[in-house]
Amino acid sequence: MTSLSVETLAADAVEPITSAGNAQLGIAVLAGIAVIVLLITKFKLHAFLALTIGSLALGAFAGAPLADTIKSFSTGLGNTVAGVGVLIALGAILGKLLADSGGADQIVDTILAKAGKRSMPWAMVLIASVIGLPLFFEVGIVLLIPVVLMVAKRGNYSLMRIGIPALAGLSVMHGLIPPHPGPLVAIDAVGANLGVTLALGLVVAIPTVIIAGPVFSRYAARWVDIPAPEHMIPTRPSEDLEKRPGFGVTVATVLLPVVLMLVKALVDIVVDDPANGLQKVTDVIGSPLIALLAAVMVALFTLGRAAGFTKERLSSTVEKSLAPIAGVLLIVGAGGGFKQTLIDIGVGQMILDFSKDWSIPALLLAWLIAVAIRLATGSATVATISAAGLVAPLAAGMSTTETALLVLAIGAGSLFFSHVNDAGFWLVKEYFGMSVGQTVKTWSVMETIISVVGIVFVLLLSLVL
């Protein structure tokens, strides 16, 4: 595992925009985060505005000139949106095509038709993990929870026994696997290799989702034994379609970008020659932009046209998929601005100064920082983006594998103990018809298990790779 080389990092450090000492910087960070939390929770301000104001407050408390703070925030926002904005848009289009064409329903129906009572929790975690690859967490919940409720009612299953595995599958994908926004931003911030991160993310995700999903659901079902709320079981989204795309082609379309990125990672490892023709080709087709763009173009035919969509309806579907992500783009961008402000005032070096005598592994330190921000802000994405900015200096001198594990450590920390300041907490509570206490005992505990098990497997991988 990489040790912290402060001397090496100091040589590469960018001159901070303030001369504040470590104590003042520490207070500034706490104050900036407190402003964000207060604005989001107390005043119900949109996260984009809260992050913007929090970034300005951070610079002010650190004694940085206002003009420099604004420049740092704007630079971070622009770089973040430029880096992941197109990918978020392509992911949204793919997710919308998957939902509207009935492809998601086809995956669900096919697997459930082959799953028995004992294997149903495993079927649900598989469904959620596959469908969760191209979808935002909130979109995944909206898409899958009605299915969970219908399965629980139709098969007389315990709601938690079916629901927890589905939630675990979505959450693990959201926190650990690109092309989700959080992991993508973290990869960019610490300079990690996307393909390697994706491959190692899958290695960590599989045992994590098993433990937090089917295994934990046994206990969650005993703690909270409630029926599926009748009023939350809606009409299936694709019942108005005359036909739906096939199961095999739908799964192949969803997995296409993942396969292309994994191929790139494999060729990079095996060939390791930038001048090699094969590596040049895979570097292009395995880049996240081209991989997702290819999946979207394929999906227009394999999902949209297979469902009988006209050219006009395909155009309408694509257009409708982009409107809801405006808020996501702004939040992610503002999070990148907050991250850049943290970097430019010198917080990264402050953390190195504090941590060099702690004997804490870099991966564990990254996890702890992400946990703290997650608990404070309630947002896994904000926690990932902010923590990535704070620990980016730790990546200097790390190998490709270690840098990828650093991203996964941050992602695992960003999922720790979702509670009342997390929109996902209330979404799950309302869909499942639970009380706050019941939601804590099931959803919040599940998120904590994912976070802890995730960092354990990340640390284990760091010892053997």
Protein backbone atom coordinates (compact mmCIF):
# COMPACT_ATOMS: atom_id res chain seq x y z
CA MET A 1 0.00 0.00 0.00
CA THR A 2 1.33 3.44 -0.86
CA SER A 3 2.77 5.54 1.95
CA LEU A 4 2.37 9.31 1.94
CA SER A 5 5.40 11.00 0.45
CA VAL A 6 4.96 14.59 1.57
CA GLU A 7 8.30 15.69 0.21
CA THR A 8 7.44 14.45 -3.27
CA LEU A 9 4.02 16.04 -3.19
CA ALA A 10 5.29 19.35 -1.89
CA ALA A 11 7.58 19.65 -4.87
CA ASP A 12 4.62 19.30 -7.23
CA ALA A 13 2.18 21.43 -5.23
CA VAL A 14 0.56 24.45 -6.83
CA GLU A 15 0.96 27.73 -4.97
CA PRO A 16 -2.25 28.18 -2.89
CA ILE A 17 -4.40 31.29 -3.30
CA THR A 18 -4.19 32.06 0.43
CA SER A 19 -1.43 32.21 3.01
CA ALA A 20 -3.65 30.86 5.81
CA GLY A 21 -2.17 28.34 8.20
CA ASN A 22 -3.42 24.82 8.70
CA ALA A 23 -5.61 25.74 11.66
CA GLN A 24 -7.41 28.46 9.69
CA LEU A 25 -7.77 26.15 6.70
CA GLY A 26 -9.28 23.45 8.90
CA ILE A 27 -11.79 25.93 10.29
CA ALA A 28 -12.54 27.15 6.75
CA VAL A 29 -13.27 23.63 5.53
CA LEU A 30 -15.60 22.93 8.46
CA ALA A 31 -17.30 26.29 8.00
CA GLY A 32 -17.72 25.80 4.24
CA ILE A 33 -19.26 22.36 4.71
CA ALA A 34 -21.44 23.67 7.54
CA VAL A 35 -22.77 26.44 5.27
CA ILE A 36 -23.64 23.86 2.59
CA VAL A 37 -25.35 21.56 5.10
CA LEU A 38 -27.28 24.42 6.70
CA LEU A 39 -28.47 25.81 3.37
CA ILE A 40 -29.59 22.38 2.13
CA THR A 41 -31.21 21.07 5.32
CA LYS A 42 -32.48 24.16 7.15
CA PHE A 43 -33.31 26.52 4.28
CA LYS A 44 -34.07 23.81 1.67
CA LEU A 45 -31.87 25.59 -0.86
CA HIS A 46 -31.04 23.74 -4.08
CA ALA A 47 -27.72 21.90 -3.81
CA PHE A 48 -26.28 23.88 -6.76
CA LEU A 49 -26.83 27.19 -4.98
CA ALA A 50 -25.70 25.75 -1.64
CA LEU A 51 -22.44 24.46 -3.14
CA THR A 52 -21.82 27.77 -4.91
CA ILE A 53 -22.36 29.82 -1.74
CA GLY A 54 -20.43 27.26 0.33
CA SER A 55 -17.46 27.56 -2.03
CA LEU A 56 -17.45 31.35 -1.66
CA ALA A 57 -17.73 30.98 2.12
CA LEU A 58 -14.85 28.49 2.09
CA GLY A 59 -12.61 30.97 0.30
CA ALA A 60 -13.67 33.82 2.58
CA PHE A 61 -12.98 31.86 5.78
CA ALA A 62 -9.59 30.84 4.37
CA GLY A 63 -8.72 34.48 3.71
CA ALA A 64 -8.49 34.06 -0.07
CA PRO A 65 -9.22 37.05 -2.33
CA LEU A 66 -12.79 36.92 -3.66
CA ALA A 67 -11.62 37.18 -7.28
CA ASP A 68 -9.33 34.16 -6.82
CA THR A 69 -12.08 32.17 -5.11
CA ILE A 70 -14.49 32.88 -7.96
CA LYS A 71 -11.83 31.89 -10.49
CA SER A 72 -11.14 28.62 -8.66
CA PHE A 73 -14.83 27.77 -8.42
CA SER A 74 -15.48 28.64 -12.08
CA THR A 75 -12.47 26.62 -13.23
CA GLY A 76 -13.55 23.59 -11.24
CA LEU A 77 -17.15 23.84 -12.44
CA GLY A 78 -16.09 24.18 -16.06
CA ASN A 79 -13.57 21.34 -15.96
CA THR A 80 -16.01 19.01 -14.23
CA VAL A 81 -18.87 19.64 -16.62
CA ALA A 82 -16.51 19.38 -19.58
CA GLY A 83 -15.18 16.09 -18.28
CA VAL A 84 -18.36 14.31 -17.27
CA GLY A 85 -21.25 16.40 -18.60
CA VAL A 86 -21.47 14.63 -21.96
CA LEU A 87 -21.16 11.24 -20.25
CA ILE A 88 -24.02 12.06 -17.88
CA ALA A 89 -26.15 13.12 -20.86
CA LEU A 90 -25.38 9.92 -22.79
CA GLY A 91 -26.13 7.82 -19.71
CA ALA A 92 -29.46 9.59 -19.30
CA ILE A 93 -30.40 8.90 -22.93
CA LEU A 94 -29.51 5.22 -22.60
CA GLY A 95 -31.50 4.94 -19.38
CA LYS A 96 -34.55 6.62 -20.91
CA LEU A 97 -34.46 4.34 -23.94
CA LEU A 98 -34.16 1.33 -21.65
CA ALA A 99 -37.19 2.40 -19.62
CA ASP A 100 -39.51 3.67 -22.38
CA SER A 101 -38.90 0.82 -24.82
CA GLY A 102 -39.83 -1.79 -22.26
CA GLY A 103 -36.29 -3.19 -22.27
CA ALA A 104 -36.06 -2.84 -18.49
CA ASP A 105 -39.37 -4.67 -18.08
CA GLN A 106 -38.15 -7.40 -20.41
CA ILE A 107 -35.07 -7.99 -18.24
CA VAL A 108 -37.21 -8.00 -15.10
CA ASP A 109 -39.90 -10.32 -16.44
CA THR A 110 -37.45 -12.80 -17.93
CA ILE A 111 -35.40 -13.20 -14.77
CA LEU A 112 -38.41 -13.33 -12.46
CA ALA A 113 -40.04 -16.00 -14.61
CA LYS A 114 -37.03 -18.23 -14.01
CA ALA A 115 -36.52 -17.41 -10.32
CA GLY A 116 -38.00 -19.51 -7.54
CA LYS A 117 -38.97 -18.31 -4.07
CA ARG A 118 -35.55 -19.02 -2.54
CA SER A 119 -33.65 -17.42 -5.39
CA MET A 120 -35.86 -14.31 -5.72
CA PRO A 121 -33.60 -12.02 -3.60
CA TRP A 122 -30.66 -13.03 -5.80
CA ALA A 123 -32.73 -12.35 -8.89
CA MET A 124 -33.59 -8.88 -7.60
CA VAL A 125 -29.97 -7.98 -6.88
CA LEU A 126 -29.03 -9.17 -10.37
CA ILE A 127 -31.80 -7.13 -11.98
CA ALA A 128 -30.88 -4.00 -10.04
CA SER A 129 -27.16 -4.37 -10.76
CA VAL A 130 -27.67 -4.82 -14.51
CA ILE A 131 -30.26 -2.08 -14.89
CA GLY A 132 -28.35 0.17 -12.47
CA LEU A 133 -25.30 0.31 -14.74
CA PRO A 134 -26.58 3.09 -17.04
CA LEU A 135 -29.07 4.74 -14.66
CA PHE A 136 -28.77 7.39 -11.97
CA PHE A 137 -29.65 6.09 -8.53
CA GLU A 138 -32.88 8.06 -8.26
CA VAL A 139 -33.94 6.96 -11.75
CA GLY A 140 -33.14 3.38 -10.84
CA ILE A 141 -35.32 3.59 -7.73
CA VAL A 142 -38.23 5.07 -9.64
CA LEU A 143 -37.88 2.34 -12.27
CA LEU A 144 -37.29 -0.68 -10.01
CA ILE A 145 -39.21 -0.07 -6.78
CA PRO A 146 -42.64 -0.39 -8.45
CA VAL A 147 -41.43 -3.75 -9.78
CA VAL A 148 -40.23 -4.73 -6.29
CA LEU A 149 -43.63 -3.85 -4.84
CA MET A 150 -45.46 -5.84 -7.52
CA VAL A 151 -43.24 -8.89 -7.02
CA ALA A 152 -43.66 -8.73 -3.24
CA LYS A 153 -47.45 -8.53 -3.56
CA ARG A 154 -47.85 -11.03 -6.40
CA GLY A 155 -45.58 -13.65 -4.84
CA ASN A 156 -46.45 -12.90 -1.21
CA TYR A 157 -42.81 -12.13 -0.42
CA SER A 158 -41.46 -10.10 2.48
CA LEU A 159 -41.02 -6.56 1.15
CA MET A 160 -37.60 -6.15 2.76
CA ARG A 161 -36.44 -9.57 1.55
CA ILE A 162 -37.03 -8.41 -2.03
CA GLY A 163 -36.43 -4.67 -1.68
CA ILE A 164 -33.08 -4.59 0.13
CA PRO A 165 -31.25 -6.63 -2.56
CA ALA A 166 -32.63 -4.32 -5.26
CA LEU A 167 -31.57 -1.21 -3.33
CA ALA A 168 -28.14 -2.72 -2.65
CA GLY A 169 -27.61 -3.43 -6.34
CA LEU A 170 -28.50 0.13 -7.31
CA SER A 171 -26.44 1.72 -4.52
CA VAL A 172 -23.27 -0.28 -5.18
CA MET A 173 -23.42 0.56 -8.88
CA HIS A 174 -23.96 4.23 -8.04
CA GLY A 175 -21.04 4.48 -5.64
CA LEU A 176 -18.39 2.23 -7.17
CA ILE A 177 -18.95 1.70 -10.89
CA PRO A 178 -18.39 4.24 -13.67
CA PRO A 179 -20.03 5.71 -15.75
CA HIS A 180 -21.95 7.01 -12.72
CA PRO A 181 -21.14 10.70 -12.07
CA GLY A 182 -19.41 10.29 -8.69
CA PRO A 183 -16.87 7.66 -9.75
CA LEU A 184 -16.23 9.48 -13.04
CA VAL A 185 -15.42 12.74 -11.25
CA ALA A 186 -13.20 10.94 -8.74
CA ILE A 187 -11.35 9.16 -11.56
CA ASP A 188 -10.73 12.51 -13.23
CA ALA A 189 -9.69 14.23 -9.99
CA VAL A 190 -7.05 11.68 -8.95
CA GLY A 191 -5.96 10.77 -12.48
CA ALA A 192 -7.07 7.13 -12.30
CA ASN A 193 -7.43 4.77 -15.25
CA LEU A 194 -11.13 4.31 -15.99
CA GLY A 195 -10.86 0.77 -17.29
CA VAL A 196 -8.79 -0.47 -14.36
CA THR A 197 -11.12 1.28 -11.93
CA LEU A 198 -14.12 -0.34 -13.60
CA ALA A 199 -12.52 -3.79 -13.48
CA LEU A 200 -11.48 -3.52 -9.82
CA GLY A 201 -14.83 -1.90 -9.02
CA LEU A 202 -16.61 -4.99 -10.26
CA VAL A 203 -14.33 -7.18 -8.14
CA VAL A 204 -15.24 -5.15 -5.05
CA ALA A 205 -18.90 -4.72 -5.99
CA ILE A 206 -19.81 -8.41 -6.35
CA PRO A 207 -19.07 -9.59 -2.78
CA THR A 208 -20.22 -6.25 -1.36
CA VAL A 209 -23.64 -6.40 -3.00
CA ILE A 210 -24.08 -10.05 -1.94
CA ILE A 211 -23.42 -9.26 1.72
CA ALA A 212 -25.44 -6.01 1.80
CA GLY A 213 -28.24 -7.41 -0.39
CA PRO A 214 -29.44 -11.03 -0.15
CA VAL A 215 -27.55 -11.78 3.09
CA PHE A 216 -28.54 -8.66 5.04
CA SER A 217 -32.11 -8.78 3.72
CA ARG A 218 -32.73 -11.86 5.90
CA TYR A 219 -32.22 -9.73 9.00
CA ALA A 220 -33.92 -6.62 7.60
CA ALA A 221 -37.05 -8.69 6.90
CA ARG A 222 -37.17 -9.75 10.57
CA TRP A 223 -36.63 -6.24 11.88
CA VAL A 224 -39.19 -4.59 9.59
CA ASP A 225 -42.02 -6.86 8.45
CA ILE A 226 -44.40 -4.73 6.41
CA PRO A 227 -46.59 -5.38 3.34
CA ALA A 228 -46.18 -3.57 0.03
CA PRO A 229 -48.21 -0.32 0.21
CA GLU A 230 -51.12 -0.62 -2.23
CA HIS A 231 -51.16 3.04 -3.25
CA MET A 232 -47.53 2.88 -4.43
CA ILE A 233 -48.03 0.07 -6.97
CA PRO A 234 -48.46 1.87 -10.32
CA THR A 235 -49.10 0.70 -13.85
CA ARG A 236 -46.06 -0.80 -15.54
CA PRO A 237 -44.33 1.84 -17.67
CA SER A 238 -44.38 -0.13 -20.93
CA GLU A 239 -47.83 -1.75 -20.92
CA ASP A 240 -48.95 0.48 -23.77
CA LEU A 241 -46.29 -0.98 -26.10
CA GLU A 242 -47.27 -3.51 -28.75
CA LYS A 243 -43.86 -5.19 -28.57
CA ARG A 244 -40.70 -5.05 -26.53
CA PRO A 245 -37.03 -5.67 -27.35
CA GLY A 246 -35.72 -9.17 -26.58
CA PHE A 247 -33.98 -10.05 -23.35
CA GLY A 248 -30.61 -10.95 -24.90
CA VAL A 249 -30.32 -7.87 -27.08
CA THR A 250 -31.39 -5.59 -24.22
CA VAL A 251 -28.76 -6.98 -21.85
CA ALA A 252 -26.12 -6.80 -24.60
CA THR A 253 -26.97 -3.15 -25.25
CA VAL A 254 -26.77 -2.20 -21.56
CA LEU A 255 -23.46 -4.01 -21.12
CA LEU A 256 -21.88 -2.72 -24.36
CA PRO A 257 -20.14 0.35 -22.85
CA VAL A 258 -18.90 -1.71 -19.91
CA VAL A 259 -17.46 -4.37 -22.23
CA LEU A 260 -15.75 -1.77 -24.43
CA MET A 261 -14.13 -0.10 -21.42
CA LEU A 262 -13.03 -3.45 -19.98
CA VAL A 263 -11.49 -4.43 -23.34
CA LYS A 264 -9.49 -1.21 -23.34
CA ALA A 265 -8.26 -1.91 -19.80
CA LEU A 266 -7.30 -5.48 -20.69
CA VAL A 267 -5.38 -4.44 -23.82
CA ASP A 268 -3.63 -1.66 -21.89
CA ILE A 269 -2.42 -4.21 -19.35
CA VAL A 270 -1.46 -6.99 -21.80
CA VAL A 271 0.00 -4.92 -24.66
CA ASP A 272 1.23 -1.84 -22.78
CA ASP A 273 2.59 -0.20 -25.94
CA PRO A 274 1.04 3.15 -26.94
CA ALA A 275 2.43 2.70 -30.48
CA ASN A 276 0.67 -0.64 -30.95
CA GLY A 277 -2.19 -0.48 -33.49
CA LEU A 278 -4.55 -2.62 -31.40
CA GLN A 279 -4.01 -0.47 -28.33
CA LYS A 280 -4.61 2.69 -30.35
CA VAL A 281 -7.97 1.31 -31.52
CA THR A 282 -9.07 0.12 -28.07
CA ASP A 283 -7.98 3.43 -26.53
CA VAL A 284 -10.53 5.12 -28.79
CA ILE A 285 -13.45 2.70 -28.61
CA GLY A 286 -12.87 2.09 -24.90
CA SER A 287 -12.90 5.75 -23.93
CA PRO A 288 -16.06 6.49 -21.90
CA LEU A 289 -17.33 9.04 -24.44
CA ILE A 290 -17.10 6.69 -27.43
CA ALA A 291 -18.26 3.64 -25.44
CA LEU A 292 -21.41 5.38 -24.21
CA LEU A 293 -22.04 7.07 -27.55
CA ALA A 294 -21.79 3.69 -29.27
CA ALA A 295 -24.24 2.18 -26.76
CA VAL A 296 -26.72 5.01 -27.33
CA MET A 297 -26.54 4.70 -31.11
CA VAL A 298 -26.99 0.94 -30.87
CA ALA A 299 -29.87 1.39 -28.39
CA LEU A 300 -31.75 3.60 -30.83
CA PHE A 301 -32.14 0.51 -33.00
CA THR A 302 -32.00 -2.44 -30.57
CA LEU A 303 -34.34 -0.80 -28.04
CA GLY A 304 -36.19 2.06 -29.69
CA ARG A 305 -36.89 0.68 -33.15
CA ALA A 306 -37.39 -2.83 -31.71
CA ALA A 307 -40.23 -1.41 -29.61
CA GLY A 308 -41.80 0.12 -32.71
CA PHE A 309 -40.71 3.70 -32.02
CA THR A 310 -41.01 6.05 -34.97
CA LYS A 311 -38.25 8.54 -35.74
CA GLU A 312 -40.37 11.22 -34.09
CA ARG A 313 -40.83 9.21 -30.91
CA LEU A 314 -37.12 8.38 -30.75
CA SER A 315 -36.32 12.08 -31.05
CA SER A 316 -38.88 12.88 -28.35
CA THR A 317 -37.48 10.20 -26.03
CA VAL A 318 -33.95 11.57 -26.37
CA GLU A 319 -35.19 15.12 -25.78
CA LYS A 320 -37.16 14.13 -22.67
CA SER A 321 -34.16 12.30 -21.23
CA LEU A 322 -32.01 15.42 -21.19
CA ALA A 323 -34.30 17.84 -19.35
CA PRO A 324 -34.23 16.10 -15.95
CA ILE A 325 -30.42 15.97 -15.82
CA ALA A 326 -29.98 19.75 -15.89
CA GLY A 327 -30.08 19.82 -12.10
CA VAL A 328 -27.69 16.88 -11.87
CA LEU A 329 -25.20 18.58 -14.18
CA LEU A 330 -25.33 21.79 -12.17
CA ILE A 331 -24.90 19.98 -8.85
CA VAL A 332 -22.00 17.90 -10.15
CA GLY A 333 -20.43 21.00 -11.69
CA ALA A 334 -20.81 23.03 -8.50
CA GLY A 335 -19.36 20.11 -6.57
CA GLY A 336 -16.38 20.25 -8.89
CA GLY A 337 -16.11 23.98 -8.21
CA PHE A 338 -16.14 23.33 -4.45
CA LYS A 339 -13.50 20.63 -4.97
CA GLN A 340 -11.24 23.00 -6.94
CA THR A 341 -11.61 25.69 -4.30
CA LEU A 342 -10.53 23.18 -1.66
CA ILE A 343 -7.48 22.31 -3.74
CA ASP A 344 -6.53 25.91 -4.53
CA ILE A 345 -6.62 27.16 -0.93
CA GLY A 346 -4.17 24.39 -0.02
CA VAL A 347 -6.39 21.94 1.86
CA GLY A 348 -4.77 18.96 0.16
CA GLN A 349 -1.37 19.89 1.56
CA MET A 350 -2.97 20.57 4.96
CA ILE A 351 -4.35 17.03 5.03
CA LEU A 352 -0.93 15.67 4.11
CA ASP A 353 0.66 17.69 6.92
CA PHE A 354 -1.89 16.41 9.43
CA SER A 355 -1.83 12.82 8.26
CA LYS A 356 1.89 12.19 7.76
CA ASP A 357 2.32 11.25 11.43
CA TRP A 358 -0.94 9.31 11.76
CA SER A 359 0.31 6.10 10.12
CA ILE A 360 -3.07 5.85 8.40
CA PRO A 361 -3.01 4.19 4.97
CA ALA A 362 -3.94 6.56 2.15
CA LEU A 363 -6.92 4.41 1.17
CA LEU A 364 -8.37 4.41 4.68
CA LEU A 365 -7.81 8.17 5.01
CA ALA A 366 -9.68 8.75 1.73
CA TRP A 367 -12.55 6.59 2.99
CA LEU A 368 -12.77 8.46 6.31
CA ILE A 369 -12.85 11.85 4.58
CA ALA A 370 -15.63 10.70 2.24
CA VAL A 371 -17.57 9.29 5.22
CA ALA A 372 -17.35 12.62 7.05
CA ILE A 373 -18.59 14.61 4.06
CA ARG A 374 -21.35 12.07 3.36
CA LEU A 375 -22.64 12.31 6.93
CA ALA A 376 -22.51 16.11 6.78
CA THR A 377 -24.07 16.74 3.37
CA GLY A 378 -26.21 13.63 2.76
CA SER A 379 -25.08 13.43 -0.86
CA ALA A 380 -22.96 10.55 -2.10
CA THR A 381 -22.05 12.54 -5.21
CA VAL A 382 -21.02 15.64 -3.24
CA ALA A 383 -19.05 13.43 -0.84
CA THR A 384 -17.24 11.72 -3.71
CA ILE A 385 -16.45 14.95 -5.55
CA SER A 386 -15.29 16.82 -2.44
CA ALA A 387 -13.28 13.94 -1.02
CA ALA A 388 -11.61 13.35 -4.38
CA GLY A 389 -10.48 16.97 -4.41
CA LEU A 390 -9.15 16.73 -0.87
CA VAL A 391 -7.19 13.51 -1.35
CA ALA A 392 -6.01 14.11 -4.92
CA PRO A 393 -2.45 14.89 -3.69
CA LEU A 394 -2.28 11.39 -2.21
CA ALA A 395 -2.41 9.94 -5.73
CA ALA A 396 0.99 11.37 -6.62
CA GLY A 397 3.44 8.53 -7.04
CA MET A 398 0.75 5.84 -6.85
CA SER A 399 0.60 3.03 -9.39
CA THR A 400 -2.35 2.63 -11.75
CA THR A 401 -3.86 -0.06 -9.53
CA GLU A 402 -3.41 1.97 -6.33
CA THR A 403 -4.99 5.05 -7.89
CA ALA A 404 -8.01 3.00 -8.98
CA LEU A 405 -8.34 1.61 -5.45
CA LEU A 406 -8.20 5.19 -4.12
CA VAL A 407 -11.26 6.02 -6.24
CA LEU A 408 -13.07 2.94 -4.90
CA ALA A 409 -12.18 3.85 -1.30
CA ILE A 410 -13.72 7.28 -1.84
CA GLY A 411 -16.79 5.73 -3.47
CA ALA A 412 -17.26 3.31 -0.58
CA GLY A 413 -16.99 6.12 1.96
CA SER A 414 -19.54 8.21 0.07
CA LEU A 415 -22.26 5.60 0.75
CA PHE A 416 -21.89 5.48 4.54
CA PHE A 417 -25.09 5.73 6.67
CA SER A 418 -27.65 7.58 4.59
CA HIS A 419 -29.95 9.50 6.94
CA VAL A 420 -32.44 12.38 7.01
CA ASN A 421 -30.31 14.82 5.00
CA ASP A 422 -30.21 12.42 2.03
CA ALA A 423 -32.91 12.61 -0.66
CA GLY A 424 -32.54 8.88 -1.23
CA PHE A 425 -33.54 8.23 2.40
CA TRP A 426 -36.90 9.91 1.92
CA LEU A 427 -37.42 8.35 -1.50
CA VAL A 428 -37.01 4.84 -0.05
CA LYS A 429 -39.12 5.70 3.00
CA GLU A 430 -42.05 6.91 0.92
CA TYR A 431 -41.95 4.13 -1.68
CA PHE A 432 -41.86 1.40 0.96
CA GLY A 433 -44.31 3.13 3.30
CA MET A 434 -41.93 2.97 6.28
CA SER A 435 -41.44 5.19 9.30
CA VAL A 436 -38.18 7.09 9.82
CA GLY A 437 -37.07 4.50 12.38
CA GLN A 438 -37.83 1.58 10.06
CA THR A 439 -35.96 3.28 7.23
CA VAL A 440 -32.90 3.73 9.46
CA LYS A 441 -32.99 0.05 10.52
CA THR A 442 -33.12 -1.14 6.91
CA TRP A 443 -31.92 1.36 4.31
CA SER A 444 -29.42 3.26 6.49
CA VAL A 445 -27.89 0.08 7.90
CA MET A 446 -27.67 -1.41 4.40
CA GLU A 447 -25.80 1.65 3.13
CA THR A 448 -23.39 1.41 6.06
CA ILE A 449 -22.76 -2.27 5.35
CA ILE A 450 -21.97 -1.44 1.71
CA SER A 451 -19.52 1.25 2.80
CA VAL A 452 -17.71 -0.86 5.40
CA VAL A 453 -17.59 -4.06 3.35
CA GLY A 454 -16.47 -2.04 0.33
CA ILE A 455 -13.47 -0.50 2.08
CA VAL A 456 -12.54 -3.88 3.58
CA PHE A 457 -12.34 -5.45 0.11
CA VAL A 458 -10.48 -2.41 -1.25
CA LEU A 459 -7.88 -2.77 1.51
CA LEU A 460 -7.61 -6.52 0.87
CA LEU A 461 -7.04 -5.90 -2.83
CA SER A 462 -4.33 -3.36 -1.99
CA LEU A 463 -2.45 -6.09 -0.12
CA VAL A 464 -2.50 -8.63 -2.97
CA LEU A 465 -2.16 -6.43 -6.10
